[in-house]
Amino acid sequence: MSMQNKPQMVEAVMFFTEQRGVCKEMFFPEFEALLDGVVNLPEFADEQVRMAYLLINPRLMIRAVVFFYLDFDDKGGADKGWNLPLRHLADNAGRGPDLGAGPIRLACRSQCPVSWHQMHLWDPSLAPGKNDLVLLRDAVKRNALGILVEDDSAAVVLPERLHMVAEDKWQAPDPGRDAAQQLALQQAEHKDQEHRLKTAQLIKQQRLRISTLGKQHEEELARLRLAGEEQQRALQTEVHNLHQALRQQEELNASLKEQLNGQGDILQKNREEMTQQLRALERHGRTEVDILRSQFESELQAKVAAAVAEYKEQVAVRDVELAYRGEQDAQLQQELERLKRERDEFASQGGEQILERLAKLGVVFVVYHPGAGHLTIPLQDIARYQDNPMSYAAAKCFVSEAQYRQWLSHYQQPTCEASLPSGARCAIPIDRVETPSRFIIGDSNCCARHKAGSRLRTVG
């Protein structure tokens, strides 16, 4: 009997996001299926998600919490190498705040019973208005998972709620003491005990929060120290590089100064030599200019004469080409006039005259129609055939045009044309009637079942 009445703890896992808090809930077997790769969560693809493992009693009270991380791949599958003993961590965790059923067991980064699992855990926020434990408590109370709730009408007092009276008060009360005074004293002791419990719980909660903040500050300080050291090394490297660049620049400036002094001397010598050459050129410049001017004029006259002769030859060639093109234009004009006359002659002759000329030459007009075969059309029937080829072919088969058209449809696709009760066509393949005159509407184009039905309707 005691085994049946023993309350069963429920294992659950809840997902956290920065914006929505608790965003997803599932039982632990579902979480195990996620770890085994049976299901994926594409909404958490390529993310590291904050989660909480909970032990919940049948009265929807949290008894233990483990805050941990889980990585998802780009397809939403859980990290295959993840392996945390969540139930072991929950059973061996330290005491935490009271969420309605006494102090819970809490495992997080700053309070981890197994040190080498500490890096895979995270610390909850305990700030007022954004307390992760309160969010979990409210989510469990909503019971979105549908946990079977135990009737708490016969709930017993938890052991941690019981308090022992001081030893000096174990004796029987004084018969002469006033009953009202005893009642007031008991109420005061009860209030004092409740105040002490609340104070102790608040102290524990604040210690956990201080521990969490201390861990966060230590991590932030370590990050800042590492960043400062990296920045200092980068600055030292940069200073060293600048010193080297400065020495190289000073050496380069010294060599450039030496080159500049040497080039100055060379330029001075070149200037003196150029001055002498200019003076010599001034003396001989006049005679050389006169010689160059006479040579230029003679060369210019020769070039002009050669250009004029070349242009005259090009003009003569163009004249010959123009004369040849004129002759071609005259020939083309004559050909155009001849073609116009022939066009007018053909236009004056009607289509009938052309057909008569073709008939006299022995041309025969033959067409093919299904059922009628190859038909030779006399000259006098050409107009009637052009007006209605189907009517002409039906007359040759000794049937009406409507019957010929229905037979032609049957001949091209020999299927039952009767309508089913659903309104669709029967479309069962039937024997093809090769001759239009043997085709009977409602009989030749129907299957045996619809043919019999049509006969019964006719008889009735």
Protein backbone atom coordinates (compact mmCIF):
# COMPACT_ATOMS: atom_id res chain seq x y z
CA MET A 1 0.00 0.00 0.00
CA SER A 2 2.79 2.37 0.79
CA MET A 3 4.44 1.69 -2.59
CA GLN A 4 1.24 2.62 -4.40
CA ASN A 5 0.78 5.86 -2.48
CA LYS A 6 4.41 6.95 -2.90
CA PRO A 7 4.44 10.06 -5.11
CA GLN A 8 6.26 9.62 -8.44
CA MET A 9 8.65 12.34 -9.59
CA VAL A 10 8.27 13.54 -13.21
CA GLU A 11 11.41 14.35 -15.25
CA ALA A 12 11.03 17.22 -17.72
CA VAL A 13 13.28 19.45 -19.85
CA MET A 14 12.55 23.11 -20.68
CA PHE A 15 14.18 25.35 -23.31
CA PHE A 16 15.13 29.01 -22.71
CA THR A 17 15.51 31.94 -25.16
CA GLU A 18 16.56 35.53 -24.46
CA GLN A 19 13.29 37.04 -25.71
CA ARG A 20 10.59 34.56 -24.61
CA GLY A 21 12.05 32.89 -21.53
CA VAL A 22 10.68 29.34 -21.39
CA CYS A 23 9.86 28.61 -25.05
CA LYS A 24 9.55 24.81 -25.21
CA GLU A 25 8.73 21.97 -22.80
CA MET A 26 9.04 18.18 -23.13
CA PHE A 27 9.21 15.06 -20.99
CA PHE A 28 12.63 13.47 -20.45
CA PRO A 29 11.87 10.45 -22.76
CA GLU A 30 11.20 12.94 -25.58
CA PHE A 31 14.52 14.63 -24.78
CA GLU A 32 16.28 11.25 -24.95
CA ALA A 33 14.71 10.69 -28.40
CA LEU A 34 16.13 14.08 -29.41
CA LEU A 35 19.59 13.04 -28.19
CA ASP A 36 19.34 9.72 -30.09
CA GLY A 37 18.63 11.58 -33.36
CA VAL A 38 15.07 10.22 -33.71
CA VAL A 39 13.72 13.79 -34.05
CA ASN A 40 15.29 17.16 -34.92
CA LEU A 41 14.40 20.73 -33.95
CA PRO A 42 15.07 22.92 -37.04
CA GLU A 43 14.07 26.08 -35.11
CA PHE A 44 17.26 25.70 -33.02
CA ALA A 45 19.57 24.89 -35.97
CA ASP A 46 23.23 25.90 -35.49
CA GLU A 47 22.61 27.35 -31.99
CA GLN A 48 23.72 26.72 -28.40
CA VAL A 49 20.49 26.54 -26.36
CA ARG A 50 20.09 27.08 -22.62
CA MET A 51 18.02 24.30 -21.00
CA ALA A 52 16.83 23.21 -17.58
CA TYR A 53 16.29 19.64 -16.33
CA LEU A 54 13.50 19.48 -13.70
CA LEU A 55 12.23 16.98 -11.15
CA ILE A 56 8.53 17.76 -10.52
CA ASN A 57 6.39 16.19 -7.80
CA PRO A 58 2.70 15.25 -8.35
CA ARG A 59 1.60 18.57 -6.81
CA LEU A 60 3.38 20.51 -9.60
CA MET A 61 6.18 21.61 -7.29
CA ILE A 62 9.82 21.73 -8.45
CA ARG A 63 12.15 19.59 -6.34
CA ALA A 64 15.41 19.79 -8.35
CA VAL A 65 16.80 21.87 -11.26
CA VAL A 66 19.93 21.42 -13.43
CA PHE A 67 20.78 24.32 -15.80
CA PHE A 68 22.82 23.07 -18.79
CA TYR A 69 23.78 23.87 -22.41
CA LEU A 70 23.06 21.78 -25.54
CA ASP A 71 24.47 22.46 -29.04
CA PHE A 72 22.47 21.82 -32.24
CA ASP A 73 23.92 21.27 -35.74
CA ASP A 74 22.85 23.06 -38.92
CA LYS A 75 19.93 20.62 -39.40
CA GLY A 76 18.53 20.96 -35.87
CA GLY A 77 20.03 17.70 -34.58
CA ALA A 78 21.41 17.47 -31.04
CA ASP A 79 25.17 17.22 -30.45
CA LYS A 80 26.02 13.51 -30.69
CA GLY A 81 28.93 13.89 -28.22
CA TRP A 82 26.75 15.45 -25.47
CA ASN A 83 26.67 13.28 -22.33
CA LEU A 84 25.69 14.82 -18.98
CA PRO A 85 24.37 12.69 -16.07
CA LEU A 86 21.43 15.00 -15.39
CA ARG A 87 19.72 12.79 -12.78
CA HIS A 88 23.02 12.25 -10.93
CA LEU A 89 23.69 16.01 -10.90
CA ALA A 90 20.13 16.68 -9.66
CA ASP A 91 20.36 14.05 -6.86
CA ASN A 92 23.74 15.34 -5.60
CA ALA A 93 23.19 19.10 -6.06
CA GLY A 94 23.33 21.62 -3.26
CA ARG A 95 20.37 23.38 -1.67
CA GLY A 96 18.66 26.21 -3.52
CA PRO A 97 15.70 28.58 -3.01
CA ASP A 98 12.26 27.45 -1.83
CA LEU A 99 9.83 27.31 -4.80
CA GLY A 100 6.84 26.15 -2.75
CA ALA A 101 7.84 22.67 -1.57
CA GLY A 102 10.89 23.47 0.50
CA PRO A 103 14.44 24.23 -0.68
CA ILE A 104 15.14 22.68 -4.06
CA ARG A 105 18.32 20.91 -5.17
CA LEU A 106 20.08 23.26 -7.61
CA ALA A 107 22.97 22.45 -9.98
CA CYS A 108 24.45 25.29 -12.05
CA ARG A 109 27.87 26.62 -13.01
CA SER A 110 28.56 28.24 -9.65
CA GLN A 111 27.14 25.24 -7.71
CA CYS A 112 28.14 22.06 -9.56
CA PRO A 113 28.55 18.74 -7.62
CA VAL A 114 30.87 17.36 -10.37
CA SER A 115 33.63 19.86 -11.19
CA TRP A 116 34.47 18.60 -14.69
CA HIS A 117 30.87 19.17 -15.81
CA GLN A 118 30.94 22.80 -14.69
CA MET A 119 31.80 24.18 -18.16
CA HIS A 120 28.59 22.64 -19.59
CA LEU A 121 26.31 24.38 -17.04
CA TRP A 122 25.04 27.97 -16.80
CA ASP A 123 23.96 30.23 -13.94
CA PRO A 124 20.30 31.36 -13.84
CA SER A 125 19.37 35.00 -13.48
CA LEU A 126 17.93 35.77 -10.03
CA ALA A 127 17.27 39.46 -10.67
CA PRO A 128 13.77 40.70 -9.65
CA GLY A 129 11.43 40.65 -12.65
CA LYS A 130 13.73 38.35 -14.59
CA ASN A 131 14.19 35.40 -12.25
CA ASP A 132 14.69 32.18 -14.25
CA LEU A 133 13.60 30.04 -11.29
CA VAL A 134 10.31 31.97 -11.07
CA LEU A 135 9.82 31.45 -14.82
CA LEU A 136 10.29 27.70 -14.33
CA ARG A 137 7.90 27.65 -11.37
CA ASP A 138 5.20 29.48 -13.37
CA ALA A 139 5.71 27.21 -16.41
CA VAL A 140 5.28 24.10 -14.22
CA LYS A 141 2.12 25.59 -12.66
CA ARG A 142 0.64 26.12 -16.15
CA ASN A 143 1.09 22.34 -16.67
CA ALA A 144 1.40 22.53 -20.46
CA LEU A 145 2.82 18.98 -20.36
CA GLY A 146 -0.38 17.60 -18.84
CA ILE A 147 1.19 16.07 -15.69
CA LEU A 148 -1.27 14.12 -13.55
CA VAL A 149 -1.82 16.24 -10.41
CA GLU A 150 -2.17 14.58 -6.99
CA ASP A 151 -5.00 15.71 -4.74
CA ASP A 152 -3.31 17.70 -1.97
CA SER A 153 -6.32 17.70 0.36
CA ALA A 154 -4.54 15.13 2.54
CA ALA A 155 -1.14 16.73 2.19
CA VAL A 156 1.13 16.13 5.10
CA VAL A 157 3.42 18.67 6.68
CA LEU A 158 6.93 18.45 5.26
CA PRO A 159 9.70 17.63 7.78
CA GLU A 160 11.52 20.86 7.10
CA ARG A 161 8.35 22.74 8.06
CA LEU A 162 8.31 21.13 11.53
CA HIS A 163 10.10 22.96 14.33
CA MET A 164 10.90 21.73 17.82
CA VAL A 165 10.06 23.77 20.90
CA ALA A 166 12.91 24.88 23.12
CA GLU A 167 13.87 22.46 25.95
CA ASP A 168 12.97 24.93 28.70
CA LYS A 169 9.36 24.78 27.56
CA TRP A 170 8.94 20.97 27.58
CA GLN A 171 7.38 20.98 31.10
CA ALA A 172 3.65 21.19 31.55
CA PRO A 173 2.30 24.70 31.53
CA ASP A 174 1.60 26.47 34.75
CA PRO A 175 -2.06 25.95 35.63
CA GLY A 176 -2.27 29.48 36.78
CA ARG A 177 -1.10 31.02 33.49
CA ASP A 178 -3.64 32.85 31.54
CA ALA A 179 -4.80 31.04 28.36
CA ALA A 180 -4.79 34.27 26.33
CA GLN A 181 -1.18 34.95 27.27
CA GLN A 182 -0.15 31.45 26.18
CA LEU A 183 -1.93 31.88 22.84
CA ALA A 184 -0.24 35.23 22.22
CA LEU A 185 3.14 33.72 23.09
CA GLN A 186 2.59 30.82 20.67
CA GLN A 187 1.57 33.20 17.88
CA ALA A 188 4.66 35.34 18.49
CA GLU A 189 6.92 32.27 18.44
CA HIS A 190 5.24 31.07 15.23
CA LYS A 191 5.71 34.46 13.54
CA ASP A 192 9.29 34.63 14.76
CA GLN A 193 9.99 31.14 13.36
CA GLU A 194 8.43 32.08 10.00
CA HIS A 195 10.48 35.27 9.91
CA ARG A 196 13.67 33.31 10.62
CA LEU A 197 12.84 30.81 7.85
CA LYS A 198 12.15 33.58 5.35
CA THR A 199 15.33 35.38 6.38
CA ALA A 200 17.41 32.21 6.04
CA GLN A 201 15.87 31.46 2.65
CA LEU A 202 16.51 35.04 1.47
CA ILE A 203 20.12 34.81 2.70
CA LYS A 204 20.61 31.56 0.78
CA GLN A 205 19.12 33.06 -2.33
CA GLN A 206 21.30 36.16 -2.05
CA ARG A 207 24.40 34.02 -1.46
CA LEU A 208 23.61 32.05 -4.62
CA ARG A 209 23.07 35.26 -6.52
CA ILE A 210 26.34 36.72 -5.15
CA SER A 211 28.15 33.53 -6.11
CA THR A 212 26.65 33.68 -9.61
CA LEU A 213 27.59 37.35 -10.04
CA GLY A 214 31.08 36.60 -8.71
CA LYS A 215 31.54 33.87 -11.29
CA GLN A 216 30.26 36.17 -14.05
CA HIS A 217 32.57 38.98 -12.92
CA GLU A 218 35.55 36.61 -12.76
CA GLU A 219 34.81 35.38 -16.29
CA GLU A 220 34.37 38.95 -17.55
CA LEU A 221 37.60 40.01 -15.80
CA ALA A 222 39.45 37.07 -17.34
CA ARG A 223 38.11 37.99 -20.77
CA LEU A 224 39.10 41.63 -20.29
CA ARG A 225 42.54 40.62 -19.01
CA LEU A 226 43.06 38.35 -22.01
CA ALA A 227 41.87 41.06 -24.39
CA GLY A 228 44.19 43.59 -22.69
CA GLU A 229 47.17 41.26 -22.97
CA GLU A 230 46.41 40.58 -26.63
CA GLN A 231 46.03 44.31 -27.29
CA GLN A 232 49.29 45.05 -25.41
CA ARG A 233 51.13 42.40 -27.45
CA ALA A 234 49.68 43.86 -30.64
CA LEU A 235 50.75 47.37 -29.61
CA GLN A 236 54.25 46.17 -28.70
CA THR A 237 54.53 44.43 -32.06
CA GLU A 238 53.30 47.57 -33.79
CA VAL A 239 55.81 49.75 -31.88
CA HIS A 240 58.63 47.35 -32.77
CA ASN A 241 57.60 47.44 -36.43
CA LEU A 242 57.45 51.24 -36.33
CA HIS A 243 60.96 51.41 -34.83
CA GLN A 244 62.29 49.17 -37.57
CA ALA A 245 60.49 51.22 -40.22
CA LEU A 246 61.92 54.43 -38.70
CA ARG A 247 65.50 53.07 -38.81
CA GLN A 248 65.02 51.91 -42.39
CA GLN A 249 63.60 55.33 -43.32
CA GLU A 250 66.56 57.12 -41.69
CA GLU A 251 69.03 54.93 -43.59
CA LEU A 252 67.10 55.55 -46.79
CA ASN A 253 67.12 59.33 -46.16
CA ALA A 254 70.89 59.31 -45.62
CA SER A 255 71.49 57.40 -48.85
CA LEU A 256 69.11 59.73 -50.70
CA LYS A 257 70.99 62.76 -49.40
CA GLU A 258 74.26 61.33 -50.71
CA GLN A 259 72.64 60.60 -54.07
CA LEU A 260 71.17 64.10 -54.15
CA ASN A 261 74.54 65.73 -53.49
CA GLY A 262 76.15 63.64 -56.24
CA GLN A 263 73.35 64.42 -58.66
CA GLY A 264 73.69 68.13 -57.85
CA ASP A 265 77.33 68.08 -58.93
CA ILE A 266 76.47 66.19 -62.11
CA LEU A 267 73.65 68.65 -62.91
CA GLN A 268 76.02 71.57 -62.44
CA LYS A 269 78.49 70.05 -64.92
CA ASN A 270 75.67 69.31 -67.38
CA ARG A 271 74.42 72.88 -67.07
CA GLU A 272 77.81 74.26 -67.94
CA GLU A 273 78.14 71.91 -70.92
CA MET A 274 74.64 72.84 -72.18
CA THR A 275 75.45 76.53 -71.89
CA GLN A 276 78.49 76.04 -74.11
CA GLN A 277 76.49 74.03 -76.62
CA LEU A 278 73.78 76.70 -76.76
CA ARG A 279 76.28 79.36 -77.48
CA ALA A 280 77.75 77.27 -80.29
CA LEU A 281 74.28 76.64 -81.71
CA GLU A 282 73.49 80.35 -81.64
CA ARG A 283 76.52 80.99 -83.86
CA HIS A 284 75.68 78.27 -86.39
CA GLY A 285 71.89 78.41 -86.02
CA ARG A 286 71.17 80.95 -88.75
CA THR A 287 72.93 79.10 -91.57
CA GLU A 288 71.41 75.76 -90.54
CA VAL A 289 67.87 77.26 -90.47
CA ASP A 290 68.22 78.59 -93.99
CA ILE A 291 69.40 75.19 -95.28
CA LEU A 292 66.54 73.38 -93.52
CA ARG A 293 63.96 75.86 -94.85
CA SER A 294 65.02 75.32 -98.51
CA GLN A 295 65.05 71.52 -98.05
CA PHE A 296 61.55 71.61 -96.50
CA GLU A 297 60.11 73.69 -99.36
CA SER A 298 61.49 71.36 -102.05
CA GLU A 299 60.24 68.25 -100.23
CA LEU A 300 56.79 69.85 -99.75
CA GLN A 301 56.46 70.65 -103.49
CA ALA A 302 57.40 67.06 -104.41
CA LYS A 303 54.84 65.60 -101.95
CA VAL A 304 52.09 67.92 -103.28
CA ALA A 305 52.77 66.88 -106.87
CA ALA A 306 52.67 63.18 -105.96
CA ALA A 307 49.40 63.59 -104.05
CA VAL A 308 47.77 65.43 -106.99
CA ALA A 309 48.74 62.65 -109.42
CA GLU A 310 47.38 59.98 -107.08
CA TYR A 311 44.04 61.77 -106.68
CA LYS A 312 43.69 62.15 -110.47
CA GLU A 313 44.12 58.39 -110.88
CA GLN A 314 41.49 57.73 -108.20
CA VAL A 315 39.02 60.11 -109.93
CA ALA A 316 39.52 58.29 -113.29
CA VAL A 317 38.81 54.93 -111.61
CA ARG A 318 35.63 56.33 -110.03
CA ASP A 319 34.44 57.59 -113.43
CA VAL A 320 34.81 54.11 -114.96
CA GLU A 321 32.93 52.56 -112.03
CA LEU A 322 30.08 55.09 -112.38
CA ALA A 323 29.70 54.32 -116.10
CA TYR A 324 29.55 50.56 -115.38
CA ARG A 325 26.92 51.06 -112.67
CA GLY A 326 24.83 53.19 -115.06
CA GLU A 327 24.74 50.34 -117.57
CA GLN A 328 23.70 47.89 -114.83
CA ASP A 329 20.89 50.23 -113.68
CA ALA A 330 19.53 50.41 -117.25
CA GLN A 331 19.49 46.61 -117.57
CA LEU A 332 17.75 46.21 -114.22
CA GLN A 333 15.12 48.77 -115.21
CA GLN A 334 14.35 46.85 -118.41
CA GLU A 335 14.05 43.56 -116.46
CA LEU A 336 11.69 45.24 -113.96
CA GLU A 337 9.41 46.49 -116.74
CA ARG A 338 9.27 43.00 -118.34
CA LEU A 339 8.32 41.42 -114.99
CA LYS A 340 5.58 44.02 -114.47
CA ARG A 341 4.10 43.18 -117.89
CA GLU A 342 4.10 39.45 -117.09
CA ARG A 343 2.45 40.17 -113.72
CA ASP A 344 -0.29 42.16 -115.43
CA GLU A 345 -0.89 39.32 -117.91
CA PHE A 346 -1.24 36.76 -115.13
CA ALA A 347 -3.53 39.06 -113.19
CA SER A 348 -5.83 39.47 -116.19
CA GLN A 349 -6.31 35.69 -116.34
CA GLY A 350 -8.78 34.36 -113.66
CA GLY A 351 -8.41 31.25 -111.51
CA GLU A 352 -10.90 29.32 -113.63
CA GLN A 353 -8.89 29.95 -116.77
CA ILE A 354 -5.80 28.60 -115.01
CA LEU A 355 -7.68 25.47 -113.87
CA GLU A 356 -9.02 24.95 -117.44
CA ARG A 357 -5.55 25.27 -118.83
CA LEU A 358 -4.28 22.74 -116.27
CA ALA A 359 -7.17 20.33 -117.10
CA LYS A 360 -6.42 20.61 -120.83
CA LEU A 361 -2.83 19.76 -120.02
CA GLY A 362 -4.07 16.50 -118.38
CA VAL A 363 -3.82 17.50 -114.70
CA VAL A 364 -6.25 15.50 -112.48
CA PHE A 365 -7.42 16.73 -109.02
CA VAL A 366 -7.49 13.87 -106.48
CA VAL A 367 -8.28 14.09 -102.72
CA TYR A 368 -8.58 11.47 -99.99
CA HIS A 369 -11.39 11.23 -97.43
CA PRO A 370 -11.86 8.35 -94.86
CA GLY A 371 -14.74 6.11 -95.96
CA ALA A 372 -14.78 7.51 -99.50
CA GLY A 373 -11.17 6.77 -100.38
CA HIS A 374 -9.37 8.70 -103.15
CA LEU A 375 -11.87 10.93 -105.04
CA THR A 376 -11.22 12.39 -108.49
CA ILE A 377 -12.86 15.83 -108.57
CA PRO A 378 -14.08 16.97 -112.02
CA LEU A 379 -13.40 20.55 -113.03
CA GLN A 380 -17.08 21.51 -112.70
CA ASP A 381 -17.16 20.25 -109.04
CA ILE A 382 -14.10 22.20 -107.83
CA ALA A 383 -16.15 25.15 -106.58
CA ARG A 384 -18.65 22.91 -104.71
CA TYR A 385 -15.78 20.95 -103.09
CA GLN A 386 -14.08 24.16 -101.98
CA ASP A 387 -17.28 25.41 -100.34
CA ASN A 388 -17.82 22.25 -98.18
CA PRO A 389 -15.39 19.31 -98.47
CA MET A 390 -17.25 17.29 -95.78
CA SER A 391 -20.60 17.57 -97.59
CA TYR A 392 -18.95 16.52 -100.87
CA ALA A 393 -17.35 13.44 -99.23
CA ALA A 394 -20.67 12.52 -97.47
CA ALA A 395 -22.53 12.64 -100.81
CA LYS A 396 -19.94 10.31 -102.33
CA CYS A 397 -20.60 7.87 -99.40
CA PHE A 398 -24.41 8.21 -99.85
CA VAL A 399 -24.98 9.51 -96.30
CA SER A 400 -25.85 12.88 -94.78
CA GLU A 401 -23.14 15.31 -93.69
CA ALA A 402 -24.12 14.94 -89.98
CA GLN A 403 -23.93 11.13 -90.16
CA TYR A 404 -20.59 11.36 -91.96
CA ARG A 405 -19.16 13.66 -89.30
CA GLN A 406 -20.33 11.35 -86.46
CA TRP A 407 -18.97 8.31 -88.30
CA LEU A 408 -15.64 10.13 -88.83
CA SER A 409 -15.42 10.81 -85.04
CA HIS A 410 -16.18 7.11 -84.39
CA TYR A 411 -13.65 6.03 -87.04
CA GLN A 412 -10.84 8.15 -85.54
CA GLN A 413 -11.60 6.97 -81.94
CA PRO A 414 -13.79 3.82 -81.75
CA THR A 415 -15.01 4.06 -78.14
CA CYS A 416 -18.43 4.05 -76.47
CA GLU A 417 -19.97 7.53 -76.55
CA ALA A 418 -22.76 6.80 -74.06
CA SER A 419 -22.95 8.95 -70.90
CA LEU A 420 -22.64 7.40 -67.45
CA PRO A 421 -24.91 8.47 -64.51
CA SER A 422 -21.99 10.58 -63.22
CA GLY A 423 -22.03 12.56 -66.46
CA ALA A 424 -18.70 11.17 -67.73
CA ARG A 425 -18.30 9.37 -71.03
CA CYS A 426 -18.22 5.50 -71.03
CA ALA A 427 -15.18 5.40 -73.44
CA ILE A 428 -14.99 1.56 -73.62
CA PRO A 429 -13.19 0.46 -76.86
CA ILE A 430 -15.65 -1.02 -79.48
CA ASP A 431 -15.36 -2.46 -82.98
CA ARG A 432 -14.73 0.12 -85.70
CA VAL A 433 -17.36 0.45 -88.50
CA GLU A 434 -15.34 0.87 -91.70
CA THR A 435 -18.21 2.13 -93.96
CA PRO A 436 -20.22 5.30 -93.22
CA SER A 437 -23.42 3.86 -94.71
CA ARG A 438 -23.38 0.99 -92.17
CA PHE A 439 -22.93 3.37 -89.22
CA ILE A 440 -26.07 3.67 -87.05
CA ILE A 441 -26.10 6.47 -84.47
CA GLY A 442 -26.81 5.14 -80.95
CA ASP A 443 -25.94 1.60 -81.96
CA SER A 444 -22.61 1.48 -83.81
CA ASN A 445 -21.01 4.00 -81.42
CA CYS A 446 -22.07 2.25 -78.17
CA CYS A 447 -20.74 -0.78 -76.26
CA ALA A 448 -22.87 -3.92 -75.79
CA ARG A 449 -24.27 -2.75 -72.42
CA HIS A 450 -25.29 0.72 -73.56
CA LYS A 451 -26.45 -0.66 -76.95
CA ALA A 452 -28.85 -3.03 -75.14
CA GLY A 453 -30.01 -0.23 -72.88
CA SER A 454 -30.75 2.04 -75.82
CA ARG A 455 -32.79 -0.78 -77.44
CA LEU A 456 -34.81 -1.33 -74.27
CA ARG A 457 -35.55 2.36 -74.05
CA THR A 458 -36.61 2.31 -77.71
CA VAL A 459 -38.93 -0.68 -77.14
CA GLY A 460 -40.49 0.82 -74.03
